[in-house]
Each structure stands twice: as C-alpha cells, then as structure tokens.
Amino acid sequence: MRYTPAGLPALNCRLEHESQVEEAGGIRTVKVAIKAVAFGALAERLAKQAVGSQWQFKGFLANARQGKSVVFHIQDFLQD
C-alpha cells in the first residue's frame, strides 16, 4: 500500500489469468499477467485479500506513465 501526494491510498499489484479456449478447431491455453492499480477504499479492501485468491475484476486499460506498457485500473472486484 502506498499513498498518492494527495493522501489517497493506492495499491499496485499484478493480476494473472489462465484459461483454455477453442481456436481453429483446437484447444489453446491462454496465460497472461498484467500490472494493475486500485485507489481509495477499493485499494484498502483489495489489500486485505489473500495472495493467490481468485477474483473477477472490472476496470479499464490505460498506458503506464512511461507509455511503454499497459496498466489495468481496477474499479471493482467480486469473488469468482
């Protein structure tokens, strides 16, 4: 947990996803890890969750400050 210059709680984390999908008549395993950030009360709530637990996240993608990567901005999360 960190705090913005305005004193708002912020939590940087990494979300990981793994699933299998059908593509071109075969099964493909999809794995991805992405940087994510949550702010305010949502950050405090997320910080209390166990590492490795499964959740469904809602939010949006934006460029990172350096513009060379993508960050998922978490707006809500629910038990999966």
PDB file of N, CA and C in Angstrom:
ATOM      1  N   MET A   1       0.858  -1.177   0.000  1.00  0.00           N
ATOM      2  CA  MET A   1       0.000   0.000   0.000  1.00  0.00           C
ATOM      3  C   MET A   1       0.895   1.227   0.000  1.00  0.00           C
ATOM      4  N   ARG A   2       0.516   2.178  -0.814  1.00  0.00           N
ATOM      5  CA  ARG A   2       1.210   3.461  -0.832  1.00  0.00           C
ATOM      6  C   ARG A   2       0.140   4.550  -0.806  1.00  0.00           C
ATOM      7  N   TYR A   3       0.576   5.775  -0.742  1.00  0.00           N
ATOM      8  CA  TYR A   3      -0.361   6.889  -0.731  1.00  0.00           C
ATOM      9  C   TYR A   3       0.062   7.906  -1.779  1.00  0.00           C
ATOM     10  N   THR A   4      -0.906   8.445  -2.508  1.00  0.00           N
ATOM     11  CA  THR A   4      -0.627   9.467  -3.505  1.00  0.00           C
ATOM     12  C   THR A   4      -0.229  10.755  -2.781  1.00  0.00           C
ATOM     13  N   PRO A   5       0.331  11.741  -3.497  1.00  0.00           N
ATOM     14  CA  PRO A   5       0.655  13.018  -2.847  1.00  0.00           C
ATOM     15  C   PRO A   5      -0.563  13.680  -2.196  1.00  0.00           C
ATOM     16  N   ALA A   6      -1.748  13.373  -2.672  1.00  0.00           N
ATOM     17  CA  ALA A   6      -2.977  13.922  -2.086  1.00  0.00           C
ATOM     18  C   ALA A   6      -3.454  13.113  -0.884  1.00  0.00           C
ATOM     19  N   GLY A   7      -2.724  12.021  -0.549  1.00  0.00           N
ATOM     20  CA  GLY A   7      -3.075  11.204   0.608  1.00  0.00           C
ATOM     21  C   GLY A   7      -4.044  10.076   0.310  1.00  0.00           C
ATOM     22  N   LEU A   8      -4.330   9.815  -0.951  1.00  0.00           N
ATOM     23  CA  LEU A   8      -5.254   8.751  -1.353  1.00  0.00           C
ATOM     24  C   LEU A   8      -4.539   7.410  -1.349  1.00  0.00           C
ATOM     25  N   PRO A   9      -5.108   6.376  -0.704  1.00  0.00           N
ATOM     26  CA  PRO A   9      -4.480   5.056  -0.728  1.00  0.00           C
ATOM     27  C   PRO A   9      -4.407   4.524  -2.154  1.00  0.00           C
ATOM     28  N   ALA A  10      -3.298   3.883  -2.491  1.00  0.00           N
ATOM     29  CA  ALA A  10      -3.112   3.290  -3.818  1.00  0.00           C
ATOM     30  C   ALA A  10      -2.407   1.948  -3.640  1.00  0.00           C
ATOM     31  N   LEU A  11      -2.817   0.971  -4.428  1.00  0.00           N
ATOM     32  CA  LEU A  11      -2.215  -0.352  -4.351  1.00  0.00           C
ATOM     33  C   LEU A  11      -1.821  -0.800  -5.746  1.00  0.00           C
ATOM     34  N   ASN A  12      -0.536  -1.030  -5.948  1.00  0.00           N
ATOM     35  CA  ASN A  12      -0.040  -1.597  -7.196  1.00  0.00           C
ATOM     36  C   ASN A  12       0.025  -3.105  -7.025  1.00  0.00           C
ATOM     37  N   CYS A  13      -0.423  -3.849  -8.030  1.00  0.00           N
ATOM     38  CA  CYS A  13      -0.383  -5.303  -7.960  1.00  0.00           C
ATOM     39  C   CYS A  13      -0.240  -5.881  -9.365  1.00  0.00           C
ATOM     40  N   ARG A  14      -0.182  -7.189  -9.437  1.00  0.00           N
ATOM     41  CA  ARG A  14      -0.109  -7.890 -10.712  1.00  0.00           C
ATOM     42  C   ARG A  14      -1.233  -8.908 -10.733  1.00  0.00           C
ATOM     43  N   LEU A  15      -2.043  -8.875 -11.774  1.00  0.00           N
ATOM     44  CA  LEU A  15      -3.124  -9.830 -11.942  1.00  0.00           C
ATOM     45  C   LEU A  15      -2.673 -10.899 -12.927  1.00  0.00           C
ATOM     46  N   GLU A  16      -3.016 -12.157 -12.631  1.00  0.00           N
ATOM     47  CA  GLU A  16      -2.671 -13.262 -13.521  1.00  0.00           C
ATOM     48  C   GLU A  16      -3.946 -13.992 -13.919  1.00  0.00           C
ATOM     49  N   HIS A  17      -3.984 -14.409 -15.186  1.00  0.00           N
ATOM     50  CA  HIS A  17      -5.135 -15.133 -15.720  1.00  0.00           C
ATOM     51  C   HIS A  17      -4.642 -16.343 -16.491  1.00  0.00           C
ATOM     52  N   GLU A  18      -5.378 -17.452 -16.372  1.00  0.00           N
ATOM     53  CA  GLU A  18      -5.090 -18.645 -17.157  1.00  0.00           C
ATOM     54  C   GLU A  18      -6.403 -19.327 -17.503  1.00  0.00           C
ATOM     55  N   SER A  19      -6.574 -19.668 -18.768  1.00  0.00           N
ATOM     56  CA  SER A  19      -7.779 -20.375 -19.207  1.00  0.00           C
ATOM     57  C   SER A  19      -7.478 -21.139 -20.486  1.00  0.00           C
ATOM     58  N   GLN A  20      -8.462 -21.904 -20.930  1.00  0.00           N
ATOM     59  CA  GLN A  20      -8.351 -22.619 -22.191  1.00  0.00           C
ATOM     60  C   GLN A  20      -9.503 -22.189 -23.080  1.00  0.00           C
ATOM     61  N   VAL A  21      -9.194 -21.947 -24.349  1.00  0.00           N
ATOM     62  CA  VAL A  21     -10.206 -21.538 -25.320  1.00  0.00           C
ATOM     63  C   VAL A  21     -10.038 -22.375 -26.580  1.00  0.00           C
ATOM     64  N   GLU A  22     -11.116 -22.474 -27.332  1.00  0.00           N
ATOM     65  CA  GLU A  22     -11.051 -23.181 -28.597  1.00  0.00           C
ATOM     66  C   GLU A  22     -10.662 -22.190 -29.686  1.00  0.00           C
ATOM     67  N   GLU A  23      -9.682 -22.587 -30.496  1.00  0.00           N
ATOM     68  CA  GLU A  23      -9.235 -21.735 -31.596  1.00  0.00           C
ATOM     69  C   GLU A  23      -8.830 -22.627 -32.765  1.00  0.00           C
ATOM     70  N   ALA A  24      -9.391 -22.363 -33.932  1.00  0.00           N
ATOM     71  CA  ALA A  24      -9.076 -23.101 -35.157  1.00  0.00           C
ATOM     72  C   ALA A  24      -9.214 -24.609 -34.953  1.00  0.00           C
ATOM     73  N   GLY A  25     -10.254 -25.022 -34.222  1.00  0.00           N
ATOM     74  CA  GLY A  25     -10.523 -26.429 -34.020  1.00  0.00           C
ATOM     75  C   GLY A  25      -9.695 -27.113 -32.953  1.00  0.00           C
ATOM     76  N   GLY A  26      -8.850 -26.376 -32.269  1.00  0.00           N
ATOM     77  CA  GLY A  26      -8.030 -26.951 -31.205  1.00  0.00           C
ATOM     78  C   GLY A  26      -8.176 -26.178 -29.914  1.00  0.00           C
ATOM     79  N   ILE A  27      -7.643 -26.745 -28.859  1.00  0.00           N
ATOM     80  CA  ILE A  27      -7.678 -26.086 -27.546  1.00  0.00           C
ATOM     81  C   ILE A  27      -6.364 -25.338 -27.343  1.00  0.00           C
ATOM     82  N   ARG A  28      -6.472 -24.097 -26.927  1.00  0.00           N
ATOM     83  CA  ARG A  28      -5.302 -23.259 -26.679  1.00  0.00           C
ATOM     84  C   ARG A  28      -5.328 -22.797 -25.235  1.00  0.00           C
ATOM     85  N   THR A  29      -4.202 -22.944 -24.557  1.00  0.00           N
ATOM     86  CA  THR A  29      -4.078 -22.437 -23.195  1.00  0.00           C
ATOM     87  C   THR A  29      -3.601 -20.987 -23.265  1.00  0.00           C
ATOM     88  N   VAL A  30      -4.325 -20.120 -22.566  1.00  0.00           N
ATOM     89  CA  VAL A  30      -4.017 -18.695 -22.563  1.00  0.00           C
ATOM     90  C   VAL A  30      -3.556 -18.315 -21.167  1.00  0.00           C
ATOM     91  N   LYS A  31      -2.388 -17.686 -21.069  1.00  0.00           N
ATOM     92  CA  LYS A  31      -1.872 -17.189 -19.790  1.00  0.00           C
ATOM     93  C   LYS A  31      -1.435 -15.743 -19.988  1.00  0.00           C
ATOM     94  N   VAL A  32      -1.770 -14.901 -19.022  1.00  0.00           N
ATOM     95  CA  VAL A  32      -1.353 -13.503 -19.090  1.00  0.00           C
ATOM     96  C   VAL A  32      -1.176 -12.957 -17.672  1.00  0.00           C
ATOM     97  N   ALA A  33      -0.216 -12.065 -17.520  1.00  0.00           N
ATOM     98  CA  ALA A  33      -0.019 -11.320 -16.270  1.00  0.00           C
ATOM     99  C   ALA A  33       0.027  -9.850 -16.653  1.00  0.00           C
ATOM    100  N   ILE A  34      -0.642  -9.016 -15.876  1.00  0.00           N
ATOM    101  CA  ILE A  34      -0.706  -7.593 -16.194  1.00  0.00           C
ATOM    102  C   ILE A  34      -0.583  -6.769 -14.917  1.00  0.00           C
ATOM    103  N   LYS A  35       0.078  -5.624 -15.036  1.00  0.00           N
ATOM    104  CA  LYS A  35       0.165  -4.697 -13.907  1.00  0.00           C
ATOM    105  C   LYS A  35      -1.205  -4.084 -13.682  1.00  0.00           C
ATOM    106  N   ALA A  36      -1.539  -3.860 -12.412  1.00  0.00           N
ATOM    107  CA  ALA A  36      -2.838  -3.281 -12.067  1.00  0.00           C
ATOM    108  C   ALA A  36      -2.671  -2.304 -10.918  1.00  0.00           C
ATOM    109  N   VAL A  37      -3.643  -1.409 -10.774  1.00  0.00           N
ATOM    110  CA  VAL A  37      -3.625  -0.428  -9.691  1.00  0.00           C
ATOM    111  C   VAL A  37      -5.058  -0.190  -9.217  1.00  0.00           C
ATOM    112  N   ALA A  38      -5.208   0.022  -7.914  1.00  0.00           N
ATOM    113  CA  ALA A  38      -6.506   0.364  -7.319  1.00  0.00           C
ATOM    114  C   ALA A  38      -6.289   1.572  -6.404  1.00  0.00           C
ATOM    115  N   PHE A  39      -7.303   2.415  -6.284  1.00  0.00           N
ATOM    116  CA  PHE A  39      -7.202   3.627  -5.467  1.00  0.00           C
ATOM    117  C   PHE A  39      -8.320   3.686  -4.432  1.00  0.00           C
ATOM    118  N   GLY A  40      -8.079   4.443  -3.366  1.00  0.00           N
ATOM    119  CA  GLY A  40      -9.094   4.732  -2.363  1.00  0.00           C
ATOM    120  C   GLY A  40      -9.496   3.523  -1.541  1.00  0.00           C
ATOM    121  N   ALA A  41     -10.786   3.500  -1.163  1.00  0.00           N
ATOM    122  CA  ALA A  41     -11.317   2.414  -0.336  1.00  0.00           C
ATOM    123  C   ALA A  41     -11.178   1.067  -1.030  1.00  0.00           C
ATOM    124  N   LEU A  42     -11.231   1.064  -2.360  1.00  0.00           N
ATOM    125  CA  LEU A  42     -11.064  -0.170  -3.123  1.00  0.00           C
ATOM    126  C   LEU A  42      -9.664  -0.737  -2.919  1.00  0.00           C
ATOM    127  N   ALA A  43      -8.654   0.115  -2.882  1.00  0.00           N
ATOM    128  CA  ALA A  43      -7.269  -0.320  -2.636  1.00  0.00           C
ATOM    129  C   ALA A  43      -7.143  -0.926  -1.243  1.00  0.00           C
ATOM    130  N   GLU A  44      -7.768  -0.306  -0.263  1.00  0.00           N
ATOM    131  CA  GLU A  44      -7.711  -0.825   1.108  1.00  0.00           C
ATOM    132  C   GLU A  44      -8.407  -2.192   1.195  1.00  0.00           C
ATOM    133  N   ARG A  45      -9.541  -2.340   0.508  1.00  0.00           N
ATOM    134  CA  ARG A  45     -10.269  -3.607   0.501  1.00  0.00           C
ATOM    135  C   ARG A  45      -9.457  -4.702  -0.197  1.00  0.00           C
ATOM    136  N   LEU A  46      -8.837  -4.363  -1.321  1.00  0.00           N
ATOM    137  CA  LEU A  46      -8.043  -5.328  -2.075  1.00  0.00           C
ATOM    138  C   LEU A  46      -6.811  -5.769  -1.285  1.00  0.00           C
ATOM    139  N   ALA A  47      -6.213  -4.872  -0.536  1.00  0.00           N
ATOM    140  CA  ALA A  47      -5.009  -5.187   0.242  1.00  0.00           C
ATOM    141  C   ALA A  47      -5.286  -6.251   1.310  1.00  0.00           C
ATOM    142  N   LYS A  48      -6.523  -6.406   1.710  1.00  0.00           N
ATOM    143  CA  LYS A  48      -6.891  -7.383   2.745  1.00  0.00           C
ATOM    144  C   LYS A  48      -7.106  -8.794   2.192  1.00  0.00           C
ATOM    145  N   GLN A  49      -7.092  -8.954   0.874  1.00  0.00           N
ATOM    146  CA  GLN A  49      -7.365 -10.255   0.257  1.00  0.00           C
ATOM    147  C   GLN A  49      -6.096 -11.111   0.227  1.00  0.00           C
ATOM    148  N   ALA A  50      -6.279 -12.409   0.277  1.00  0.00           N
ATOM    149  CA  ALA A  50      -5.147 -13.344   0.269  1.00  0.00           C
ATOM    150  C   ALA A  50      -4.495 -13.379  -1.112  1.00  0.00           C
ATOM    151  N   VAL A  51      -3.177 -13.375  -1.126  1.00  0.00           N
ATOM    152  CA  VAL A  51      -2.436 -13.510  -2.374  1.00  0.00           C
ATOM    153  C   VAL A  51      -2.781 -14.858  -2.986  1.00  0.00           C
ATOM    154  N   GLY A  52      -3.063 -14.881  -4.278  1.00  0.00           N
ATOM    155  CA  GLY A  52      -3.405 -16.119  -4.959  1.00  0.00           C
ATOM    156  C   GLY A  52      -4.889 -16.435  -4.975  1.00  0.00           C
ATOM    157  N   SER A  53      -5.701 -15.650  -4.263  1.00  0.00           N
ATOM    158  CA  SER A  53      -7.141 -15.904  -4.278  1.00  0.00           C
ATOM    159  C   SER A  53      -7.711 -15.483  -5.636  1.00  0.00           C
ATOM    160  N   GLN A  54      -8.880 -16.020  -5.983  1.00  0.00           N
ATOM    161  CA  GLN A  54      -9.454 -15.785  -7.299  1.00  0.00           C
ATOM    162  C   GLN A  54     -10.585 -14.766  -7.229  1.00  0.00           C
ATOM    163  N   TRP A  55     -10.525 -13.802  -8.151  1.00  0.00           N
ATOM    164  CA  TRP A  55     -11.494 -12.712  -8.187  1.00  0.00           C
ATOM    165  C   TRP A  55     -11.842 -12.387  -9.625  1.00  0.00           C
ATOM    166  N   GLN A  56     -12.954 -11.719  -9.804  1.00  0.00           N
ATOM    167  CA  GLN A  56     -13.336 -11.178 -11.103  1.00  0.00           C
ATOM    168  C   GLN A  56     -13.206  -9.667 -10.988  1.00  0.00           C
ATOM    169  N   PHE A  57     -12.396  -9.071 -11.859  1.00  0.00           N
ATOM    170  CA  PHE A  57     -12.114  -7.643 -11.789  1.00  0.00           C
ATOM    171  C   PHE A  57     -12.818  -6.879 -12.891  1.00  0.00           C
ATOM    172  N   LYS A  58     -13.226  -5.668 -12.573  1.00  0.00           N
ATOM    173  CA  LYS A  58     -13.801  -4.748 -13.553  1.00  0.00           C
ATOM    174  C   LYS A  58     -12.951  -3.486 -13.546  1.00  0.00           C
ATOM    175  N   GLY A  59     -12.733  -2.921 -14.717  1.00  0.00           N
ATOM    176  CA  GLY A  59     -11.938  -1.702 -14.802  1.00  0.00           C
ATOM    177  C   GLY A  59     -11.625  -1.346 -16.233  1.00  0.00           C
ATOM    178  N   PHE A  60     -10.505  -0.653 -16.429  1.00  0.00           N
ATOM    179  CA  PHE A  60     -10.127  -0.224 -17.772  1.00  0.00           C
ATOM    180  C   PHE A  60      -8.613  -0.271 -17.928  1.00  0.00           C
ATOM    181  N   LEU A  61      -8.175  -0.339 -19.177  1.00  0.00           N
ATOM    182  CA  LEU A  61      -6.752  -0.348 -19.507  1.00  0.00           C
ATOM    183  C   LEU A  61      -6.298   1.057 -19.868  1.00  0.00           C
ATOM    184  N   ALA A  62      -5.094   1.411 -19.431  1.00  0.00           N
ATOM    185  CA  ALA A  62      -4.513   2.710 -19.768  1.00  0.00           C
ATOM    186  C   ALA A  62      -3.006   2.545 -19.912  1.00  0.00           C
ATOM    187  N   ASN A  63      -2.390   3.472 -20.617  1.00  0.00           N
ATOM    188  CA  ASN A  63      -0.931   3.466 -20.718  1.00  0.00           C
ATOM    189  C   ASN A  63      -0.326   3.768 -19.357  1.00  0.00           C
ATOM    190  N   ALA A  64       0.800   3.119 -19.068  1.00  0.00           N
ATOM    191  CA  ALA A  64       1.553   3.447 -17.852  1.00  0.00           C
ATOM    192  C   ALA A  64       2.164   4.832 -18.037  1.00  0.00           C
ATOM    193  N   ARG A  65       2.664   5.398 -16.976  1.00  0.00           N
ATOM    194  CA  ARG A  65       3.235   6.752 -17.038  1.00  0.00           C
ATOM    195  C   ARG A  65       4.309   6.887 -18.112  1.00  0.00           C
ATOM    196  N   GLN A  66       5.151   5.873 -18.262  1.00  0.00           N
ATOM    197  CA  GLN A  66       6.217   5.928 -19.251  1.00  0.00           C
ATOM    198  C   GLN A  66       5.678   5.694 -20.659  1.00  0.00           C
ATOM    199  N   GLY A  67       4.442   5.206 -20.782  1.00  0.00           N
ATOM    200  CA  GLY A  67       3.821   4.976 -22.070  1.00  0.00           C
ATOM    201  C   GLY A  67       4.296   3.726 -22.782  1.00  0.00           C
ATOM    202  N   LYS A  68       5.143   2.910 -22.143  1.00  0.00           N
ATOM    203  CA  LYS A  68       5.692   1.727 -22.789  1.00  0.00           C
ATOM    204  C   LYS A  68       4.974   0.444 -22.390  1.00  0.00           C
ATOM    205  N   SER A  69       4.040   0.515 -21.469  1.00  0.00           N
ATOM    206  CA  SER A  69       3.318  -0.671 -21.031  1.00  0.00           C
ATOM    207  C   SER A  69       1.876  -0.282 -20.722  1.00  0.00           C
ATOM    208  N   VAL A  70       1.094  -1.281 -20.345  1.00  0.00           N
ATOM    209  CA  VAL A  70      -0.328  -1.094 -20.054  1.00  0.00           C
ATOM    210  C   VAL A  70      -0.578  -1.403 -18.584  1.00  0.00           C
ATOM    211  N   VAL A  71      -1.481  -0.651 -17.972  1.00  0.00           N
ATOM    212  CA  VAL A  71      -1.882  -0.874 -16.583  1.00  0.00           C
ATOM    213  C   VAL A  71      -3.405  -1.009 -16.543  1.00  0.00           C
ATOM    214  N   PHE A  72      -3.878  -2.029 -15.823  1.00  0.00           N
ATOM    215  CA  PHE A  72      -5.310  -2.226 -15.629  1.00  0.00           C
ATOM    216  C   PHE A  72      -5.723  -1.456 -14.378  1.00  0.00           C
ATOM    217  N   HIS A  73      -6.628  -0.496 -14.528  1.00  0.00           N
ATOM    218  CA  HIS A  73      -7.135   0.295 -13.398  1.00  0.00           C
ATOM    219  C   HIS A  73      -8.371  -0.411 -12.861  1.00  0.00           C
ATOM    220  N   ILE A  74      -8.255  -0.959 -11.656  1.00  0.00           N
ATOM    221  CA  ILE A  74      -9.341  -1.719 -11.037  1.00  0.00           C
ATOM    222  C   ILE A  74     -10.402  -0.767 -10.515  1.00  0.00           C
ATOM    223  N   GLN A  75     -11.658  -0.986 -10.928  1.00  0.00           N
ATOM    224  CA  GLN A  75     -12.762  -0.181 -10.452  1.00  0.00           C
ATOM    225  C   GLN A  75     -13.692  -0.951  -9.523  1.00  0.00           C
ATOM    226  N   ASP A  76     -13.612  -2.288  -9.582  1.00  0.00           N
ATOM    227  CA  ASP A  76     -14.394  -3.118  -8.675  1.00  0.00           C
ATOM    228  C   ASP A  76     -13.875  -4.555  -8.786  1.00  0.00           C
ATOM    229  N   PHE A  77     -14.142  -5.373  -7.782  1.00  0.00           N
ATOM    230  CA  PHE A  77     -13.811  -6.784  -7.863  1.00  0.00           C
ATOM    231  C   PHE A  77     -14.801  -7.584  -7.024  1.00  0.00           C
ATOM    232  N   LEU A  78     -15.064  -8.809  -7.498  1.00  0.00           N
ATOM    233  CA  LEU A  78     -16.038  -9.697  -6.870  1.00  0.00           C
ATOM    234  C   LEU A  78     -15.416 -11.076  -6.710  1.00  0.00           C
ATOM    235  N   GLN A  79     -15.857 -11.821  -5.713  1.00  0.00           N
ATOM    236  CA  GLN A  79     -15.375 -13.195  -5.521  1.00  0.00           C
ATOM    237  C   GLN A  79     -15.746 -13.998  -6.752  1.00  0.00           C
ATOM    238  N   ASP A  80     -14.783 -14.733  -7.293  1.00  0.00           N
ATOM    239  CA  ASP A  80     -15.004 -15.518  -8.505  1.00  0.00           C
ATOM    240  C   ASP A  80     -15.720 -16.810  -8.205  1.00  0.00           C
TER     241      ASP A  80
END
